[in-house]
N, C-alpha and C. Protein backbone atom coordinates (compact mmCIF):
# COMPACT_ATOMS: atom_id res chain seq x y z
N MET A 1 -16.94 -0.56 30.68
CA MET A 1 -15.56 -0.99 30.81
C MET A 1 -14.68 -0.06 29.99
N SER A 2 -13.61 0.37 30.58
CA SER A 2 -12.69 1.22 29.82
C SER A 2 -11.43 0.41 29.51
N TYR A 3 -10.86 0.70 28.34
CA TYR A 3 -9.69 -0.04 27.88
C TYR A 3 -8.45 0.81 28.04
N ARG A 4 -7.37 0.17 28.46
CA ARG A 4 -6.08 0.86 28.55
C ARG A 4 -5.35 0.59 27.24
N LEU A 5 -5.38 1.58 26.35
CA LEU A 5 -4.81 1.40 25.02
C LEU A 5 -3.75 2.45 24.73
N PRO A 6 -2.62 2.02 24.18
CA PRO A 6 -1.65 3.00 23.67
C PRO A 6 -2.21 3.61 22.39
N PRO A 7 -1.62 4.70 21.91
CA PRO A 7 -2.10 5.30 20.66
C PRO A 7 -2.05 4.29 19.50
N LEU A 8 -3.10 4.27 18.71
CA LEU A 8 -3.22 3.32 17.60
C LEU A 8 -2.07 3.46 16.60
N ASN A 9 -1.65 4.70 16.30
CA ASN A 9 -0.55 4.88 15.35
C ASN A 9 0.75 4.28 15.87
N SER A 10 0.96 4.34 17.17
CA SER A 10 2.16 3.72 17.75
C SER A 10 2.11 2.20 17.61
N LEU A 11 0.92 1.64 17.81
CA LEU A 11 0.76 0.19 17.65
C LEU A 11 0.98 -0.23 16.20
N ARG A 12 0.45 0.56 15.26
CA ARG A 12 0.65 0.26 13.83
C ARG A 12 2.13 0.33 13.48
N ALA A 13 2.82 1.34 14.00
CA ALA A 13 4.25 1.49 13.73
C ALA A 13 5.03 0.30 14.29
N PHE A 14 4.69 -0.12 15.51
CA PHE A 14 5.37 -1.27 16.11
C PHE A 14 5.11 -2.53 15.29
N GLU A 15 3.85 -2.79 14.96
CA GLU A 15 3.49 -4.02 14.27
C GLU A 15 4.17 -4.12 12.91
N ALA A 16 4.16 -3.05 12.14
CA ALA A 16 4.81 -3.06 10.82
C ALA A 16 6.33 -3.19 10.96
N SER A 17 6.91 -2.47 11.92
CA SER A 17 8.37 -2.54 12.13
C SER A 17 8.79 -3.93 12.57
N ALA A 18 7.98 -4.55 13.41
CA ALA A 18 8.30 -5.89 13.90
C ALA A 18 8.20 -6.93 12.78
N ARG A 19 7.21 -6.80 11.92
CA ARG A 19 7.09 -7.73 10.79
C ARG A 19 8.27 -7.61 9.84
N HIS A 20 8.68 -6.37 9.56
CA HIS A 20 9.75 -6.13 8.59
C HIS A 20 11.14 -6.10 9.23
N LEU A 21 11.18 -5.96 10.55
CA LEU A 21 12.43 -5.73 11.27
C LEU A 21 13.21 -4.57 10.66
N SER A 22 12.45 -3.53 10.30
CA SER A 22 13.04 -2.35 9.66
C SER A 22 12.08 -1.17 9.78
N PHE A 23 12.59 -0.04 10.28
CA PHE A 23 11.77 1.17 10.30
C PHE A 23 11.55 1.68 8.88
N LYS A 24 12.53 1.50 8.01
CA LYS A 24 12.42 1.98 6.63
C LYS A 24 11.30 1.26 5.89
N ARG A 25 11.30 -0.07 5.95
CA ARG A 25 10.25 -0.82 5.25
C ARG A 25 8.88 -0.59 5.89
N ALA A 26 8.85 -0.43 7.21
CA ALA A 26 7.58 -0.10 7.88
C ALA A 26 7.09 1.26 7.42
N SER A 27 8.01 2.21 7.25
CA SER A 27 7.61 3.55 6.81
C SER A 27 7.06 3.52 5.39
N ASP A 28 7.62 2.67 4.53
CA ASP A 28 7.10 2.53 3.17
C ASP A 28 5.66 2.00 3.21
N GLU A 29 5.42 1.02 4.06
CA GLU A 29 4.08 0.43 4.17
C GLU A 29 3.08 1.44 4.73
N LEU A 30 3.50 2.23 5.72
CA LEU A 30 2.59 3.16 6.39
C LEU A 30 2.55 4.53 5.74
N CYS A 31 3.40 4.74 4.74
CA CYS A 31 3.45 6.02 4.01
C CYS A 31 3.79 7.20 4.92
N VAL A 32 4.78 6.99 5.76
CA VAL A 32 5.33 8.06 6.60
C VAL A 32 6.85 7.93 6.55
N THR A 33 7.55 8.83 7.20
CA THR A 33 9.01 8.77 7.18
C THR A 33 9.52 7.74 8.18
N PRO A 34 10.73 7.19 7.95
CA PRO A 34 11.32 6.28 8.94
C PRO A 34 11.46 6.93 10.31
N GLY A 35 11.77 8.24 10.32
CA GLY A 35 11.88 8.95 11.60
C GLY A 35 10.57 8.97 12.36
N ALA A 36 9.47 9.13 11.63
CA ALA A 36 8.15 9.13 12.27
C ALA A 36 7.84 7.76 12.87
N VAL A 37 8.18 6.70 12.15
CA VAL A 37 7.96 5.35 12.67
C VAL A 37 8.80 5.14 13.92
N SER A 38 10.06 5.52 13.86
CA SER A 38 10.95 5.37 15.01
C SER A 38 10.42 6.12 16.23
N GLN A 39 9.93 7.34 16.02
CA GLN A 39 9.38 8.13 17.13
C GLN A 39 8.13 7.48 17.70
N GLN A 40 7.27 6.94 16.83
CA GLN A 40 6.05 6.27 17.31
C GLN A 40 6.41 5.05 18.16
N VAL A 41 7.41 4.29 17.71
CA VAL A 41 7.83 3.11 18.47
C VAL A 41 8.44 3.53 19.80
N LYS A 42 9.27 4.57 19.79
CA LYS A 42 9.85 5.06 21.05
C LYS A 42 8.76 5.50 22.02
N SER A 43 7.74 6.17 21.49
CA SER A 43 6.62 6.62 22.31
C SER A 43 5.89 5.42 22.92
N LEU A 44 5.69 4.37 22.12
CA LEU A 44 5.03 3.17 22.62
C LEU A 44 5.88 2.51 23.70
N GLU A 45 7.19 2.40 23.45
CA GLU A 45 8.08 1.81 24.45
C GLU A 45 8.04 2.60 25.75
N ALA A 46 8.00 3.92 25.65
CA ALA A 46 7.95 4.76 26.85
C ALA A 46 6.63 4.55 27.60
N SER A 47 5.53 4.46 26.87
CA SER A 47 4.24 4.29 27.55
C SER A 47 4.10 2.91 28.17
N LEU A 48 4.74 1.89 27.57
CA LEU A 48 4.69 0.54 28.12
C LEU A 48 5.74 0.33 29.21
N GLY A 49 6.80 1.11 29.15
CA GLY A 49 7.88 0.95 30.12
C GLY A 49 8.79 -0.22 29.82
N VAL A 50 8.79 -0.68 28.56
CA VAL A 50 9.67 -1.78 28.14
C VAL A 50 10.27 -1.45 26.78
N GLN A 51 11.42 -2.05 26.51
CA GLN A 51 12.03 -1.91 25.19
C GLN A 51 11.54 -3.06 24.33
N LEU A 52 11.03 -2.74 23.14
CA LEU A 52 10.47 -3.75 22.24
C LEU A 52 11.47 -4.20 21.17
N PHE A 53 12.45 -3.34 20.87
CA PHE A 53 13.44 -3.65 19.84
C PHE A 53 14.85 -3.41 20.37
N ARG A 54 15.79 -4.16 19.81
CA ARG A 54 17.20 -3.81 19.91
C ARG A 54 17.54 -3.22 18.56
N ARG A 55 18.12 -2.03 18.58
CA ARG A 55 18.40 -1.31 17.34
C ARG A 55 19.86 -1.50 16.93
N PHE A 56 20.05 -1.80 15.65
CA PHE A 56 21.38 -2.00 15.09
C PHE A 56 21.50 -1.15 13.83
N PRO A 57 22.73 -0.84 13.39
CA PRO A 57 22.88 -0.01 12.19
C PRO A 57 22.18 -0.59 10.96
N ARG A 58 22.07 -1.90 10.87
CA ARG A 58 21.47 -2.52 9.68
C ARG A 58 20.11 -3.15 9.94
N GLY A 59 19.44 -2.73 10.99
CA GLY A 59 18.11 -3.29 11.22
C GLY A 59 17.75 -3.38 12.68
N LEU A 60 16.74 -4.18 12.94
CA LEU A 60 16.17 -4.30 14.27
C LEU A 60 16.08 -5.77 14.66
N LEU A 61 16.08 -6.01 15.95
CA LEU A 61 15.75 -7.33 16.49
C LEU A 61 14.72 -7.11 17.58
N LEU A 62 13.76 -8.00 17.67
CA LEU A 62 12.77 -7.91 18.74
C LEU A 62 13.38 -8.38 20.05
N THR A 63 13.06 -7.69 21.12
CA THR A 63 13.41 -8.17 22.46
C THR A 63 12.41 -9.27 22.82
N ALA A 64 12.61 -9.93 23.96
CA ALA A 64 11.66 -10.95 24.40
C ALA A 64 10.27 -10.35 24.56
N GLU A 65 10.22 -9.13 25.09
CA GLU A 65 8.92 -8.45 25.26
C GLU A 65 8.28 -8.16 23.90
N GLY A 66 9.10 -7.73 22.94
CA GLY A 66 8.59 -7.46 21.60
C GLY A 66 8.08 -8.72 20.93
N GLU A 67 8.80 -9.84 21.11
CA GLU A 67 8.37 -11.11 20.53
C GLU A 67 7.04 -11.57 21.10
N SER A 68 6.83 -11.35 22.39
CA SER A 68 5.55 -11.78 22.97
C SER A 68 4.43 -10.81 22.63
N TYR A 69 4.75 -9.54 22.41
CA TYR A 69 3.74 -8.51 22.12
C TYR A 69 3.26 -8.59 20.67
N LEU A 70 4.16 -8.90 19.73
CA LEU A 70 3.82 -8.87 18.30
C LEU A 70 2.63 -9.75 17.93
N PRO A 71 2.60 -11.04 18.28
CA PRO A 71 1.44 -11.84 17.84
C PRO A 71 0.12 -11.36 18.44
N LEU A 72 0.17 -10.83 19.66
CA LEU A 72 -1.05 -10.32 20.28
C LEU A 72 -1.58 -9.10 19.54
N ILE A 73 -0.67 -8.19 19.17
CA ILE A 73 -1.08 -6.97 18.46
C ILE A 73 -1.52 -7.33 17.04
N SER A 74 -0.80 -8.23 16.37
CA SER A 74 -1.19 -8.65 15.02
C SER A 74 -2.58 -9.28 15.04
N ASN A 75 -2.84 -10.13 16.03
CA ASN A 75 -4.17 -10.75 16.15
C ASN A 75 -5.25 -9.71 16.42
N ALA A 76 -4.92 -8.69 17.21
CA ALA A 76 -5.89 -7.62 17.49
C ALA A 76 -6.23 -6.86 16.22
N PHE A 77 -5.22 -6.53 15.41
CA PHE A 77 -5.48 -5.84 14.14
C PHE A 77 -6.30 -6.73 13.20
N ARG A 78 -5.98 -8.03 13.18
CA ARG A 78 -6.74 -8.96 12.35
C ARG A 78 -8.20 -9.01 12.80
N ALA A 79 -8.42 -9.03 14.13
CA ALA A 79 -9.79 -9.06 14.66
C ALA A 79 -10.54 -7.79 14.29
N ILE A 80 -9.87 -6.64 14.35
CA ILE A 80 -10.51 -5.38 13.95
C ILE A 80 -10.86 -5.42 12.47
N SER A 81 -9.95 -5.93 11.66
CA SER A 81 -10.19 -6.03 10.22
C SER A 81 -11.36 -6.97 9.93
N ASP A 82 -11.39 -8.13 10.60
CA ASP A 82 -12.49 -9.08 10.40
C ASP A 82 -13.82 -8.48 10.83
N ALA A 83 -13.82 -7.78 11.97
CA ALA A 83 -15.05 -7.16 12.45
C ALA A 83 -15.54 -6.10 11.47
N THR A 84 -14.62 -5.36 10.91
CA THR A 84 -14.98 -4.31 9.94
C THR A 84 -15.60 -4.93 8.69
N GLU A 85 -15.00 -6.02 8.19
CA GLU A 85 -15.56 -6.69 7.01
C GLU A 85 -16.92 -7.31 7.32
N HIS A 86 -17.10 -7.77 8.56
CA HIS A 86 -18.39 -8.35 8.95
C HIS A 86 -19.49 -7.30 8.96
N VAL A 87 -19.16 -6.12 9.48
CA VAL A 87 -20.15 -5.04 9.57
C VAL A 87 -20.34 -4.35 8.23
N ALA A 88 -19.25 -4.21 7.47
CA ALA A 88 -19.31 -3.52 6.17
C ALA A 88 -18.84 -4.47 5.08
N PRO A 89 -19.65 -5.48 4.72
CA PRO A 89 -19.19 -6.47 3.74
C PRO A 89 -18.86 -5.88 2.38
N ALA A 90 -19.38 -4.71 2.08
CA ALA A 90 -19.07 -4.09 0.79
C ALA A 90 -17.59 -3.80 0.66
N LEU A 91 -16.90 -3.59 1.78
CA LEU A 91 -15.46 -3.32 1.72
C LEU A 91 -14.71 -4.52 1.16
N LYS A 92 -15.20 -5.71 1.48
CA LYS A 92 -14.52 -6.93 1.06
C LYS A 92 -14.57 -7.13 -0.46
N GLY A 93 -15.68 -6.73 -1.08
CA GLY A 93 -15.85 -6.99 -2.50
C GLY A 93 -15.52 -5.83 -3.40
N ARG A 94 -14.90 -4.80 -2.87
CA ARG A 94 -14.60 -3.63 -3.70
C ARG A 94 -13.50 -3.94 -4.71
N PHE A 95 -13.63 -3.28 -5.82
CA PHE A 95 -12.63 -3.37 -6.88
C PHE A 95 -11.90 -2.04 -6.98
N LEU A 96 -10.64 -2.09 -7.36
CA LEU A 96 -9.89 -0.89 -7.69
C LEU A 96 -10.24 -0.54 -9.13
N ARG A 97 -10.78 0.63 -9.34
CA ARG A 97 -11.19 1.05 -10.69
C ARG A 97 -9.99 1.66 -11.40
N VAL A 98 -9.50 0.95 -12.41
CA VAL A 98 -8.26 1.32 -13.10
C VAL A 98 -8.56 1.71 -14.54
N GLY A 99 -8.23 2.93 -14.89
CA GLY A 99 -8.29 3.37 -16.28
C GLY A 99 -6.96 3.05 -16.94
N VAL A 100 -7.01 2.45 -18.11
CA VAL A 100 -5.79 2.12 -18.86
C VAL A 100 -5.91 2.78 -20.23
N SER A 101 -4.90 3.56 -20.59
CA SER A 101 -4.96 4.25 -21.88
C SER A 101 -5.04 3.23 -23.01
N ARG A 102 -5.66 3.62 -24.10
CA ARG A 102 -5.82 2.73 -25.25
C ARG A 102 -4.46 2.23 -25.74
N ALA A 103 -3.47 3.12 -25.76
CA ALA A 103 -2.13 2.72 -26.24
C ALA A 103 -1.56 1.57 -25.41
N LEU A 104 -1.75 1.60 -24.09
CA LEU A 104 -1.25 0.52 -23.24
C LEU A 104 -2.15 -0.70 -23.31
N SER A 105 -3.43 -0.48 -23.40
CA SER A 105 -4.39 -1.59 -23.46
C SER A 105 -4.16 -2.44 -24.70
N GLU A 106 -3.82 -1.81 -25.81
CA GLU A 106 -3.61 -2.54 -27.06
C GLU A 106 -2.28 -3.29 -27.09
N ARG A 107 -1.35 -2.96 -26.19
CA ARG A 107 -0.03 -3.62 -26.18
C ARG A 107 -0.08 -5.01 -25.55
N ARG A 108 -1.17 -5.36 -24.91
CA ARG A 108 -1.33 -6.68 -24.29
C ARG A 108 -0.22 -6.99 -23.29
N HIS A 109 0.02 -6.07 -22.39
CA HIS A 109 1.01 -6.28 -21.33
C HIS A 109 0.55 -7.43 -20.44
N PRO A 110 1.43 -8.37 -20.08
CA PRO A 110 1.01 -9.55 -19.31
C PRO A 110 0.30 -9.22 -17.99
N ALA A 111 0.81 -8.26 -17.24
CA ALA A 111 0.17 -7.93 -15.95
C ALA A 111 -1.22 -7.33 -16.17
N ILE A 112 -1.35 -6.47 -17.18
CA ILE A 112 -2.65 -5.86 -17.47
C ILE A 112 -3.64 -6.94 -17.92
N GLU A 113 -3.18 -7.87 -18.74
CA GLU A 113 -4.06 -8.95 -19.18
C GLU A 113 -4.45 -9.84 -18.00
N GLY A 114 -3.52 -10.10 -17.08
CA GLY A 114 -3.84 -10.88 -15.88
C GLY A 114 -4.89 -10.20 -15.02
N LEU A 115 -4.79 -8.88 -14.89
CA LEU A 115 -5.81 -8.12 -14.16
C LEU A 115 -7.15 -8.20 -14.88
N ARG A 116 -7.12 -8.09 -16.18
CA ARG A 116 -8.36 -8.13 -16.97
C ARG A 116 -9.07 -9.48 -16.80
N ARG A 117 -8.29 -10.55 -16.72
CA ARG A 117 -8.88 -11.89 -16.56
C ARG A 117 -9.20 -12.22 -15.09
N GLY A 118 -8.83 -11.33 -14.16
CA GLY A 118 -9.09 -11.58 -12.74
C GLY A 118 -8.11 -12.54 -12.10
N GLU A 119 -6.96 -12.77 -12.74
CA GLU A 119 -5.96 -13.71 -12.22
C GLU A 119 -4.99 -13.06 -11.26
N GLU A 120 -4.94 -11.76 -11.23
CA GLU A 120 -3.96 -11.04 -10.41
C GLU A 120 -4.66 -10.25 -9.32
N ARG A 121 -3.93 -9.94 -8.29
CA ARG A 121 -4.42 -9.08 -7.21
C ARG A 121 -3.66 -7.78 -7.27
N PRO A 122 -4.23 -6.65 -6.98
CA PRO A 122 -5.53 -6.46 -6.36
C PRO A 122 -6.67 -6.69 -7.35
N ARG A 123 -7.87 -6.88 -6.80
CA ARG A 123 -9.06 -7.03 -7.65
C ARG A 123 -9.32 -5.70 -8.33
N THR A 124 -9.47 -5.74 -9.64
CA THR A 124 -9.62 -4.49 -10.38
C THR A 124 -10.78 -4.57 -11.36
N LYS A 125 -11.25 -3.41 -11.72
CA LYS A 125 -12.17 -3.26 -12.84
C LYS A 125 -11.44 -2.36 -13.82
N LEU A 126 -11.05 -2.90 -14.98
CA LEU A 126 -10.28 -2.14 -15.96
C LEU A 126 -11.21 -1.46 -16.95
N ILE A 127 -10.90 -0.21 -17.23
CA ILE A 127 -11.66 0.59 -18.19
C ILE A 127 -10.65 1.20 -19.16
N THR A 128 -10.87 1.04 -20.44
CA THR A 128 -9.97 1.64 -21.42
C THR A 128 -10.32 3.11 -21.57
N THR A 129 -9.43 3.97 -21.07
CA THR A 129 -9.62 5.42 -21.15
C THR A 129 -8.31 6.11 -20.82
N ASP A 130 -8.17 7.32 -21.31
CA ASP A 130 -7.03 8.16 -20.98
C ASP A 130 -7.54 9.49 -20.41
N ASP A 131 -8.78 9.49 -19.95
CA ASP A 131 -9.46 10.71 -19.52
C ASP A 131 -9.17 11.02 -18.05
N LEU A 132 -8.31 12.02 -17.81
CA LEU A 132 -8.01 12.44 -16.44
C LEU A 132 -9.25 12.94 -15.72
N GLY A 133 -10.21 13.46 -16.46
CA GLY A 133 -11.45 13.95 -15.85
C GLY A 133 -12.17 12.87 -15.06
N LYS A 134 -12.13 11.63 -15.55
CA LYS A 134 -12.78 10.52 -14.83
C LYS A 134 -12.10 10.26 -13.50
N LEU A 135 -10.78 10.44 -13.47
CA LEU A 135 -10.05 10.28 -12.21
C LEU A 135 -10.41 11.42 -11.25
N ILE A 136 -10.38 12.62 -11.74
CA ILE A 136 -10.67 13.80 -10.91
C ILE A 136 -12.11 13.76 -10.40
N ASP A 137 -13.05 13.27 -11.23
CA ASP A 137 -14.47 13.19 -10.83
C ASP A 137 -14.77 11.99 -9.93
N GLY A 138 -13.78 11.16 -9.65
CA GLY A 138 -13.99 10.01 -8.77
C GLY A 138 -14.56 8.79 -9.45
N LYS A 139 -14.59 8.75 -10.78
CA LYS A 139 -15.09 7.59 -11.50
C LYS A 139 -14.02 6.52 -11.66
N LEU A 140 -12.76 6.90 -11.44
CA LEU A 140 -11.62 5.99 -11.45
C LEU A 140 -10.83 6.19 -10.16
N ASP A 141 -10.13 5.12 -9.74
CA ASP A 141 -9.22 5.24 -8.59
C ASP A 141 -7.81 5.56 -9.07
N VAL A 142 -7.41 4.95 -10.18
CA VAL A 142 -6.08 5.20 -10.76
C VAL A 142 -6.20 5.22 -12.27
N LEU A 143 -5.23 5.87 -12.89
CA LEU A 143 -5.19 5.93 -14.35
C LEU A 143 -3.77 5.60 -14.80
N LEU A 144 -3.65 4.58 -15.65
CA LEU A 144 -2.36 4.17 -16.20
C LEU A 144 -2.31 4.68 -17.62
N ARG A 145 -1.33 5.54 -17.89
CA ARG A 145 -1.27 6.18 -19.21
C ARG A 145 0.16 6.29 -19.68
N THR A 146 0.31 6.56 -20.98
CA THR A 146 1.65 6.72 -21.55
C THR A 146 2.16 8.14 -21.37
N SER A 147 1.28 9.10 -21.28
CA SER A 147 1.71 10.50 -21.15
C SER A 147 2.27 10.75 -19.76
N PRO A 148 3.46 11.36 -19.69
CA PRO A 148 4.04 11.64 -18.37
C PRO A 148 3.45 12.90 -17.73
N GLN A 149 2.57 13.60 -18.44
CA GLN A 149 2.04 14.86 -17.91
C GLN A 149 0.73 14.63 -17.17
N PHE A 150 0.56 15.39 -16.09
CA PHE A 150 -0.65 15.32 -15.29
C PHE A 150 -0.82 16.66 -14.59
N PRO A 151 -2.06 17.02 -14.26
CA PRO A 151 -2.27 18.33 -13.64
C PRO A 151 -1.75 18.37 -12.21
N PRO A 152 -1.44 19.57 -11.70
CA PRO A 152 -1.01 19.69 -10.32
C PRO A 152 -2.11 19.20 -9.38
N GLY A 153 -1.70 18.68 -8.24
CA GLY A 153 -2.66 18.20 -7.26
C GLY A 153 -2.90 16.70 -7.34
N LEU A 154 -2.38 16.05 -8.37
CA LEU A 154 -2.49 14.60 -8.48
C LEU A 154 -1.14 13.97 -8.16
N HIS A 155 -1.17 12.71 -7.77
CA HIS A 155 0.06 11.98 -7.50
C HIS A 155 0.36 11.10 -8.72
N ALA A 156 1.61 11.07 -9.13
CA ALA A 156 1.99 10.25 -10.28
C ALA A 156 3.27 9.49 -10.00
N ASP A 157 3.29 8.23 -10.41
CA ASP A 157 4.49 7.40 -10.36
C ASP A 157 4.86 7.07 -11.80
N ARG A 158 6.05 7.49 -12.20
CA ARG A 158 6.54 7.13 -13.53
C ARG A 158 7.17 5.75 -13.41
N ILE A 159 6.72 4.84 -14.24
CA ILE A 159 7.17 3.46 -14.14
C ILE A 159 7.57 2.94 -15.52
N ALA A 160 8.25 1.81 -15.51
CA ALA A 160 8.60 1.10 -16.74
C ALA A 160 7.92 -0.27 -16.66
N LEU A 161 7.03 -0.54 -17.60
CA LEU A 161 6.33 -1.82 -17.63
C LEU A 161 7.19 -2.84 -18.35
N PRO A 162 7.68 -3.86 -17.63
CA PRO A 162 8.51 -4.87 -18.29
C PRO A 162 7.70 -5.62 -19.35
N THR A 163 8.34 -5.98 -20.43
CA THR A 163 7.68 -6.74 -21.49
C THR A 163 8.41 -8.07 -21.66
N PRO A 164 7.70 -9.11 -22.14
CA PRO A 164 8.36 -10.41 -22.33
C PRO A 164 9.53 -10.33 -23.30
N SER A 165 9.39 -9.48 -24.31
CA SER A 165 10.50 -9.31 -25.26
C SER A 165 10.52 -7.85 -25.67
N GLY A 166 11.69 -7.31 -25.77
CA GLY A 166 11.80 -5.91 -26.15
C GLY A 166 11.93 -4.99 -24.95
N PRO A 167 12.04 -3.70 -25.24
CA PRO A 167 12.26 -2.74 -24.15
C PRO A 167 11.00 -2.55 -23.30
N ALA A 168 11.22 -2.10 -22.09
CA ALA A 168 10.10 -1.80 -21.18
C ALA A 168 9.30 -0.62 -21.73
N LEU A 169 8.02 -0.61 -21.40
CA LEU A 169 7.13 0.47 -21.85
C LEU A 169 7.08 1.56 -20.78
N PRO A 170 7.41 2.80 -21.13
CA PRO A 170 7.29 3.87 -20.14
C PRO A 170 5.81 4.19 -19.91
N ALA A 171 5.44 4.39 -18.65
CA ALA A 171 4.05 4.70 -18.32
C ALA A 171 4.02 5.55 -17.05
N THR A 172 2.85 6.10 -16.79
CA THR A 172 2.63 6.90 -15.58
C THR A 172 1.36 6.40 -14.91
N LEU A 173 1.46 6.08 -13.63
CA LEU A 173 0.30 5.68 -12.84
C LEU A 173 -0.13 6.90 -12.03
N VAL A 174 -1.30 7.44 -12.33
CA VAL A 174 -1.78 8.68 -11.73
C VAL A 174 -2.94 8.37 -10.80
N THR A 175 -2.95 8.99 -9.63
CA THR A 175 -4.06 8.84 -8.68
C THR A 175 -4.20 10.09 -7.84
N LEU A 176 -5.28 10.17 -7.09
CA LEU A 176 -5.44 11.27 -6.15
C LEU A 176 -4.47 11.06 -5.01
N PRO A 177 -3.92 12.13 -4.43
CA PRO A 177 -2.91 11.97 -3.38
C PRO A 177 -3.35 11.09 -2.21
N GLY A 178 -4.61 11.15 -1.84
CA GLY A 178 -5.09 10.36 -0.71
C GLY A 178 -5.08 8.86 -0.96
N LEU A 179 -5.10 8.45 -2.21
CA LEU A 179 -5.09 7.02 -2.54
C LEU A 179 -3.69 6.50 -2.85
N ALA A 180 -2.74 7.39 -3.03
CA ALA A 180 -1.40 6.98 -3.49
C ALA A 180 -0.76 5.94 -2.58
N GLY A 181 -0.98 6.04 -1.29
CA GLY A 181 -0.33 5.11 -0.37
C GLY A 181 -1.17 3.92 0.04
N CYS A 182 -2.38 3.78 -0.49
CA CYS A 182 -3.23 2.68 -0.04
C CYS A 182 -2.68 1.35 -0.53
N ARG A 183 -3.01 0.31 0.22
CA ARG A 183 -2.46 -1.02 -0.04
C ARG A 183 -2.73 -1.49 -1.47
N GLU A 184 -3.95 -1.27 -1.97
CA GLU A 184 -4.31 -1.75 -3.30
C GLU A 184 -3.50 -1.05 -4.39
N VAL A 185 -3.30 0.26 -4.25
CA VAL A 185 -2.53 1.00 -5.26
C VAL A 185 -1.07 0.56 -5.21
N ARG A 186 -0.52 0.37 -4.00
CA ARG A 186 0.86 -0.11 -3.88
C ARG A 186 1.00 -1.50 -4.50
N ALA A 187 0.00 -2.37 -4.27
CA ALA A 187 0.04 -3.71 -4.84
C ALA A 187 -0.02 -3.66 -6.37
N LEU A 188 -0.84 -2.76 -6.90
CA LEU A 188 -0.93 -2.60 -8.35
C LEU A 188 0.41 -2.12 -8.92
N LEU A 189 1.01 -1.15 -8.27
CA LEU A 189 2.30 -0.62 -8.71
C LEU A 189 3.36 -1.72 -8.72
N LYS A 190 3.38 -2.53 -7.66
CA LYS A 190 4.34 -3.62 -7.57
C LYS A 190 4.10 -4.65 -8.68
N LEU A 191 2.84 -4.98 -8.92
CA LEU A 191 2.50 -5.94 -9.96
C LEU A 191 2.93 -5.45 -11.34
N LEU A 192 2.65 -4.19 -11.63
CA LEU A 192 2.95 -3.65 -12.96
C LEU A 192 4.44 -3.57 -13.24
N THR A 193 5.25 -3.40 -12.21
CA THR A 193 6.70 -3.25 -12.42
C THR A 193 7.45 -4.56 -12.21
N ARG A 194 6.72 -5.62 -11.91
CA ARG A 194 7.35 -6.93 -11.69
C ARG A 194 7.87 -7.47 -13.01
N ALA A 195 9.11 -7.90 -13.00
CA ALA A 195 9.71 -8.44 -14.24
C ALA A 195 9.27 -9.86 -14.48
């Protein structure tokens, strides 16, 4: 049996755009430009022969066709995800390996402590270290440190860690470029900067 399928990237662009009703927010989730998301959706609309969105200066609205298509595509992605976890259960139990510099670890930041106790998501394994070599060698997924410097070829987000009292702590979240846009790293970044 052969399946009539549009390109997977176009479906991902549609599904994310429809959930957010925004090409910009979909592009943030998919780690591509808003223009790329818009082009993928246009390509999908052309291949289906229907318009899925009404476009407005301040956002999007789903057409009737888009509203009926969204739950079907979302369920298909969920089924693919469930099938993948069934076949590769190790994916379900993976932890994000996070190195935290001693200076930050000793400050007892609430989000870091929540991760340490397993109360926060993403699931993490925290290691007290400031060694970039562990990140480069693949022993860590991300490194949270106070130093703003990092070698070329790595991705870094300079952030301010909110504190319950007093000024925010400046920090840098460093990772390999391929991991910078993954869901777990984005969730960690959001958690750490949450006031």
